[in-house]
């Protein structure tokens, strides 16, 4: 049995990673999705163990100290990380796994899994990204301004990824990612 492929989707906050991932879950149910751990508070409708594993700062620190995370990062005052064991078991069983993580985390995964497939989800424009963050209605103006500053730096990191997908329309973004998945399975690996 061949090992599964690791697909990593990341991009700036507000670009639509969650929305695109939710649509991909419907279109490609065979993909296994990794659930990240975070110290941020749940948003309305989010469920522990489904959207994230919501942890206290102390619980998250214990996960770091016990090397239980594939990657972790601090983003806008909160910590995010990918539980290592679940990813390893999924790949060894021959299943593909899909990570939706922040840019800092993706860069760390690149170091540990250079054979992974890294997809950068980008907004059609910087102005559209700001509109999306404002329309989300979940952050203060200060938080939005902070996220925009971070997003400008993150857009510079796109050069380290295998693919860039513009999220201009959810359907088109998903079709592009589905094409990447097909292409990667057809690739001849050394």
C-alpha atoms as a PDB file:
ATOM      1  CA  UNK A   1       0.000   0.000   0.000  1.00  0.00           C
ATOM      2  CA  UNK A   2       1.345   3.414  -0.908  1.00  0.00           C
ATOM      3  CA  UNK A   3       1.516   6.233   1.574  1.00  0.00           C
ATOM      4  CA  UNK A   4      -1.117   8.972   1.389  1.00  0.00           C
ATOM      5  CA  UNK A   5      -0.433  12.516   0.260  1.00  0.00           C
ATOM      6  CA  UNK A   6      -0.361  15.504   2.554  1.00  0.00           C
ATOM      7  CA  UNK A   7      -2.190  18.548   1.136  1.00  0.00           C
ATOM      8  CA  UNK A   8      -1.798  21.859   2.949  1.00  0.00           C
ATOM      9  CA  UNK A   9      -4.100  24.809   2.265  1.00  0.00           C
ATOM     10  CA  UNK A  10      -3.173  28.135   3.782  1.00  0.00           C
ATOM     11  CA  UNK A  11      -3.361  31.838   3.128  1.00  0.00           C
ATOM     12  CA  UNK A  12      -4.159  35.088   4.905  1.00  0.00           C
ATOM     13  CA  UNK A  13      -6.916  35.368   7.495  1.00  0.00           C
ATOM     14  CA  UNK A  14     -10.220  36.171   5.795  1.00  0.00           C
ATOM     15  CA  UNK A  15      -9.251  34.729   2.406  1.00  0.00           C
ATOM     16  CA  UNK A  16     -11.897  32.005   2.725  1.00  0.00           C
ATOM     17  CA  UNK A  17      -9.895  28.949   3.779  1.00  0.00           C
ATOM     18  CA  UNK A  18     -12.739  27.677   5.957  1.00  0.00           C
ATOM     19  CA  UNK A  19     -15.382  28.252   3.307  1.00  0.00           C
ATOM     20  CA  UNK A  20     -13.346  26.566   0.561  1.00  0.00           C
ATOM     21  CA  UNK A  21     -12.450  23.665   2.871  1.00  0.00           C
ATOM     22  CA  UNK A  22     -16.105  23.154   3.799  1.00  0.00           C
ATOM     23  CA  UNK A  23     -17.059  22.956   0.116  1.00  0.00           C
ATOM     24  CA  UNK A  24     -14.173  20.562  -0.609  1.00  0.00           C
ATOM     25  CA  UNK A  25     -15.412  18.286   2.200  1.00  0.00           C
ATOM     26  CA  UNK A  26     -18.673  17.934   0.283  1.00  0.00           C
ATOM     27  CA  UNK A  27     -17.020  17.435  -3.111  1.00  0.00           C
ATOM     28  CA  UNK A  28     -14.189  15.131  -1.990  1.00  0.00           C
ATOM     29  CA  UNK A  29     -15.425  13.139   1.007  1.00  0.00           C
ATOM     30  CA  UNK A  30     -12.526  10.684   0.634  1.00  0.00           C
ATOM     31  CA  UNK A  31     -10.074  13.353   1.826  1.00  0.00           C
ATOM     32  CA  UNK A  32      -9.344  13.110   5.537  1.00  0.00           C
ATOM     33  CA  UNK A  33      -9.325  16.501   7.237  1.00  0.00           C
ATOM     34  CA  UNK A  34      -7.029  17.199  10.139  1.00  0.00           C
ATOM     35  CA  UNK A  35      -8.620  19.065  13.019  1.00  0.00           C
ATOM     36  CA  UNK A  36      -6.305  21.712  14.466  1.00  0.00           C
ATOM     37  CA  UNK A  37      -5.940  22.597  18.114  1.00  0.00           C
ATOM     38  CA  UNK A  38      -6.318  26.265  19.093  1.00  0.00           C
ATOM     39  CA  UNK A  39      -6.420  28.513  22.118  1.00  0.00           C
ATOM     40  CA  UNK A  40      -8.835  30.994  20.520  1.00  0.00           C
ATOM     41  CA  UNK A  41     -12.442  31.142  21.613  1.00  0.00           C
ATOM     42  CA  UNK A  42     -15.005  29.261  19.493  1.00  0.00           C
ATOM     43  CA  UNK A  43     -17.004  31.340  17.025  1.00  0.00           C
ATOM     44  CA  UNK A  44     -20.765  30.945  16.863  1.00  0.00           C
ATOM     45  CA  UNK A  45     -21.632  27.483  15.533  1.00  0.00           C
ATOM     46  CA  UNK A  46     -18.147  25.997  15.923  1.00  0.00           C
ATOM     47  CA  UNK A  47     -17.962  22.632  17.677  1.00  0.00           C
ATOM     48  CA  UNK A  48     -15.043  21.299  19.738  1.00  0.00           C
ATOM     49  CA  UNK A  49     -13.445  18.312  17.983  1.00  0.00           C
ATOM     50  CA  UNK A  50     -15.117  19.163  14.675  1.00  0.00           C
ATOM     51  CA  UNK A  51     -13.919  22.662  13.746  1.00  0.00           C
ATOM     52  CA  UNK A  52     -11.024  22.769  16.228  1.00  0.00           C
ATOM     53  CA  UNK A  53      -9.866  21.176  19.437  1.00  0.00           C
ATOM     54  CA  UNK A  54     -10.335  24.189  21.718  1.00  0.00           C
ATOM     55  CA  UNK A  55      -7.591  24.212  24.360  1.00  0.00           C
ATOM     56  CA  UNK A  56      -6.557  26.441  27.226  1.00  0.00           C
ATOM     57  CA  UNK A  57      -3.104  28.017  27.003  1.00  0.00           C
ATOM     58  CA  UNK A  58      -1.858  25.535  29.638  1.00  0.00           C
ATOM     59  CA  UNK A  59      -3.234  22.525  27.731  1.00  0.00           C
ATOM     60  CA  UNK A  60      -1.637  23.777  24.508  1.00  0.00           C
ATOM     61  CA  UNK A  61       1.728  24.267  26.229  1.00  0.00           C
ATOM     62  CA  UNK A  62       1.624  20.659  27.444  1.00  0.00           C
ATOM     63  CA  UNK A  63       1.034  19.512  23.857  1.00  0.00           C
ATOM     64  CA  UNK A  64       4.120  21.475  22.752  1.00  0.00           C
ATOM     65  CA  UNK A  65       6.242  20.170  25.643  1.00  0.00           C
ATOM     66  CA  UNK A  66       5.249  16.566  24.839  1.00  0.00           C
ATOM     67  CA  UNK A  67       5.999  16.981  21.079  1.00  0.00           C
ATOM     68  CA  UNK A  68       2.375  16.188  20.240  1.00  0.00           C
ATOM     69  CA  UNK A  69       2.098  18.813  17.478  1.00  0.00           C
ATOM     70  CA  UNK A  70       3.360  18.584  13.905  1.00  0.00           C
ATOM     71  CA  UNK A  71       3.423  22.347  13.797  1.00  0.00           C
ATOM     72  CA  UNK A  72       2.178  25.204  15.877  1.00  0.00           C
ATOM     73  CA  UNK A  73       2.146  28.952  15.636  1.00  0.00           C
ATOM     74  CA  UNK A  74       0.931  32.024  17.408  1.00  0.00           C
ATOM     75  CA  UNK A  75      -1.382  34.189  15.364  1.00  0.00           C
ATOM     76  CA  UNK A  76      -2.969  37.424  16.598  1.00  0.00           C
ATOM     77  CA  UNK A  77      -2.554  36.389  20.246  1.00  0.00           C
ATOM     78  CA  UNK A  78      -3.773  32.790  19.922  1.00  0.00           C
ATOM     79  CA  UNK A  79      -2.005  29.487  19.312  1.00  0.00           C
ATOM     80  CA  UNK A  80      -2.855  27.001  16.548  1.00  0.00           C
ATOM     81  CA  UNK A  81      -1.354  23.566  15.960  1.00  0.00           C
ATOM     82  CA  UNK A  82      -1.746  20.277  14.133  1.00  0.00           C
ATOM     83  CA  UNK A  83      -1.834  17.107  16.269  1.00  0.00           C
ATOM     84  CA  UNK A  84       1.062  14.947  14.983  1.00  0.00           C
ATOM     85  CA  UNK A  85      -0.285  11.457  15.678  1.00  0.00           C
ATOM     86  CA  UNK A  86      -3.430  11.777  13.577  1.00  0.00           C
ATOM     87  CA  UNK A  87      -1.498  12.998  10.524  1.00  0.00           C
ATOM     88  CA  UNK A  88       1.111  10.232  10.744  1.00  0.00           C
ATOM     89  CA  UNK A  89      -1.477   7.455  11.143  1.00  0.00           C
ATOM     90  CA  UNK A  90      -3.583   8.748   8.246  1.00  0.00           C
ATOM     91  CA  UNK A  91      -0.658   8.921   5.808  1.00  0.00           C
ATOM     92  CA  UNK A  92       0.688   5.504   6.817  1.00  0.00           C
ATOM     93  CA  UNK A  93      -2.756   3.978   6.204  1.00  0.00           C
ATOM     94  CA  UNK A  94      -2.528   5.177   2.580  1.00  0.00           C
ATOM     95  CA  UNK A  95      -5.078   7.974   2.952  1.00  0.00           C
ATOM     96  CA  UNK A  96      -4.676  11.561   1.832  1.00  0.00           C
ATOM     97  CA  UNK A  97      -4.920  14.185   4.527  1.00  0.00           C
ATOM     98  CA  UNK A  98      -5.860  17.817   4.092  1.00  0.00           C
ATOM     99  CA  UNK A  99      -4.618  20.520   6.458  1.00  0.00           C
ATOM    100  CA  UNK A 100      -6.178  23.976   6.556  1.00  0.00           C
ATOM    101  CA  UNK A 101      -3.682  26.027   8.543  1.00  0.00           C
ATOM    102  CA  UNK A 102      -2.177  29.480   8.896  1.00  0.00           C
ATOM    103  CA  UNK A 103       0.859  30.487   6.831  1.00  0.00           C
ATOM    104  CA  UNK A 104       3.312  30.247   9.759  1.00  0.00           C
ATOM    105  CA  UNK A 105       2.228  26.671  10.384  1.00  0.00           C
ATOM    106  CA  UNK A 106       2.466  25.723   6.718  1.00  0.00           C
ATOM    107  CA  UNK A 107       6.052  26.945   6.581  1.00  0.00           C
ATOM    108  CA  UNK A 108       6.911  24.680   9.534  1.00  0.00           C
ATOM    109  CA  UNK A 109       5.213  21.700   7.877  1.00  0.00           C
ATOM    110  CA  UNK A 110       7.304  22.377   4.732  1.00  0.00           C
ATOM    111  CA  UNK A 111      10.411  21.722   6.817  1.00  0.00           C
ATOM    112  CA  UNK A 112       9.133  18.388   8.181  1.00  0.00           C
ATOM    113  CA  UNK A 113       7.208  17.191   5.097  1.00  0.00           C
ATOM    114  CA  UNK A 114       8.891  18.688   2.003  1.00  0.00           C
ATOM    115  CA  UNK A 115       7.055  16.064  -0.085  1.00  0.00           C
ATOM    116  CA  UNK A 116       3.731  17.630   0.941  1.00  0.00           C
ATOM    117  CA  UNK A 117       1.641  19.596  -1.531  1.00  0.00           C
ATOM    118  CA  UNK A 118       1.359  23.233  -0.479  1.00  0.00           C
ATOM    119  CA  UNK A 119      -1.479  25.376  -1.825  1.00  0.00           C
ATOM    120  CA  UNK A 120      -1.687  29.108  -1.108  1.00  0.00           C
ATOM    121  CA  UNK A 121      -5.219  30.512  -1.229  1.00  0.00           C
ATOM    122  CA  UNK A 122      -5.047  34.135  -2.248  1.00  0.00           C
ATOM    123  CA  UNK A 123      -7.699  36.856  -2.446  1.00  0.00           C
ATOM    124  CA  UNK A 124      -8.488  38.460  -5.814  1.00  0.00           C
ATOM    125  CA  UNK A 125      -7.151  41.746  -4.339  1.00  0.00           C
ATOM    126  CA  UNK A 126      -5.940  43.226  -1.067  1.00  0.00           C
ATOM    127  CA  UNK A 127      -9.041  45.445  -0.979  1.00  0.00           C
ATOM    128  CA  UNK A 128     -11.323  42.426  -1.333  1.00  0.00           C
ATOM    129  CA  UNK A 129      -9.546  40.760   1.587  1.00  0.00           C
ATOM    130  CA  UNK A 130     -10.246  43.796   3.787  1.00  0.00           C
ATOM    131  CA  UNK A 131     -13.914  43.774   2.705  1.00  0.00           C
ATOM    132  CA  UNK A 132     -14.234  40.095   3.623  1.00  0.00           C
ATOM    133  CA  UNK A 133     -12.760  40.658   7.071  1.00  0.00           C
ATOM    134  CA  UNK A 134     -15.090  43.601   7.711  1.00  0.00           C
ATOM    135  CA  UNK A 135     -18.168  41.770   6.410  1.00  0.00           C
ATOM    136  CA  UNK A 136     -17.422  38.765   8.620  1.00  0.00           C
ATOM    137  CA  UNK A 137     -18.397  40.921  11.588  1.00  0.00           C
ATOM    138  CA  UNK A 138     -16.391  38.903  14.107  1.00  0.00           C
ATOM    139  CA  UNK A 139     -13.482  41.270  14.794  1.00  0.00           C
ATOM    140  CA  UNK A 140     -12.908  44.813  16.006  1.00  0.00           C
ATOM    141  CA  UNK A 141     -11.425  47.452  13.703  1.00  0.00           C
ATOM    142  CA  UNK A 142      -8.072  47.131  15.519  1.00  0.00           C
ATOM    143  CA  UNK A 143      -8.063  43.362  14.960  1.00  0.00           C
ATOM    144  CA  UNK A 144      -8.926  43.825  11.272  1.00  0.00           C
ATOM    145  CA  UNK A 145      -6.082  46.331  10.856  1.00  0.00           C
ATOM    146  CA  UNK A 146      -3.714  43.910  12.587  1.00  0.00           C
ATOM    147  CA  UNK A 147      -4.854  41.050  10.325  1.00  0.00           C
ATOM    148  CA  UNK A 148      -4.311  43.233   7.236  1.00  0.00           C
ATOM    149  CA  UNK A 149      -0.742  44.024   8.325  1.00  0.00           C
ATOM    150  CA  UNK A 150      -0.060  40.323   8.880  1.00  0.00           C
ATOM    151  CA  UNK A 151      -1.744  39.464   5.535  1.00  0.00           C
ATOM    152  CA  UNK A 152       0.636  41.762   3.643  1.00  0.00           C
ATOM    153  CA  UNK A 153       3.590  39.832   5.087  1.00  0.00           C
ATOM    154  CA  UNK A 154       1.912  36.475   4.426  1.00  0.00           C
ATOM    155  CA  UNK A 155       1.306  37.288   0.763  1.00  0.00           C
ATOM    156  CA  UNK A 156       5.091  37.569   0.425  1.00  0.00           C
ATOM    157  CA  UNK A 157       5.367  33.918   1.562  1.00  0.00           C
ATOM    158  CA  UNK A 158       3.386  32.664  -1.452  1.00  0.00           C
ATOM    159  CA  UNK A 159       6.666  32.114  -3.319  1.00  0.00           C
ATOM    160  CA  UNK A 160       7.435  29.127  -1.057  1.00  0.00           C
ATOM    161  CA  UNK A 161       4.296  27.191  -2.087  1.00  0.00           C
ATOM    162  CA  UNK A 162       3.749  24.694  -4.886  1.00  0.00           C
ATOM    163  CA  UNK A 163       0.494  26.261  -6.082  1.00  0.00           C
ATOM    164  CA  UNK A 164      -1.430  29.533  -5.784  1.00  0.00           C
ATOM    165  CA  UNK A 165      -5.216  29.455  -6.090  1.00  0.00           C
ATOM    166  CA  UNK A 166      -7.204  32.691  -6.310  1.00  0.00           C
ATOM    167  CA  UNK A 167     -10.403  32.554  -4.285  1.00  0.00           C
ATOM    168  CA  UNK A 168     -12.470  34.779  -6.542  1.00  0.00           C
ATOM    169  CA  UNK A 169     -15.442  32.392  -6.541  1.00  0.00           C
ATOM    170  CA  UNK A 170     -15.768  29.400  -4.233  1.00  0.00           C
ATOM    171  CA  UNK A 171     -16.758  27.021  -7.039  1.00  0.00           C
ATOM    172  CA  UNK A 172     -13.776  27.986  -9.194  1.00  0.00           C
ATOM    173  CA  UNK A 173     -11.339  27.848  -6.271  1.00  0.00           C
ATOM    174  CA  UNK A 174     -12.564  24.337  -5.407  1.00  0.00           C
ATOM    175  CA  UNK A 175     -12.274  23.173  -9.024  1.00  0.00           C
ATOM    176  CA  UNK A 176      -8.692  24.434  -9.127  1.00  0.00           C
ATOM    177  CA  UNK A 177      -7.806  22.572  -5.921  1.00  0.00           C
ATOM    178  CA  UNK A 178      -9.511  19.402  -7.179  1.00  0.00           C
ATOM    179  CA  UNK A 179      -7.356  19.658 -10.320  1.00  0.00           C
ATOM    180  CA  UNK A 180      -4.232  19.931  -8.170  1.00  0.00           C
ATOM    181  CA  UNK A 181      -5.215  16.803  -6.236  1.00  0.00           C
ATOM    182  CA  UNK A 182      -5.742  14.849  -9.460  1.00  0.00           C
ATOM    183  CA  UNK A 183      -2.447  16.087 -10.923  1.00  0.00           C
ATOM    184  CA  UNK A 184      -0.511  15.161  -7.780  1.00  0.00           C
ATOM    185  CA  UNK A 185      -1.879  11.608  -7.912  1.00  0.00           C
ATOM    186  CA  UNK A 186      -0.773  11.324 -11.527  1.00  0.00           C
ATOM    187  CA  UNK A 187       2.714  12.633 -10.793  1.00  0.00           C
ATOM    188  CA  UNK A 188       5.611  10.238 -11.084  1.00  0.00           C
ATOM    189  CA  UNK A 189       7.536  10.460  -7.826  1.00  0.00           C
ATOM    190  CA  UNK A 190      11.188   9.559  -7.412  1.00  0.00           C
END
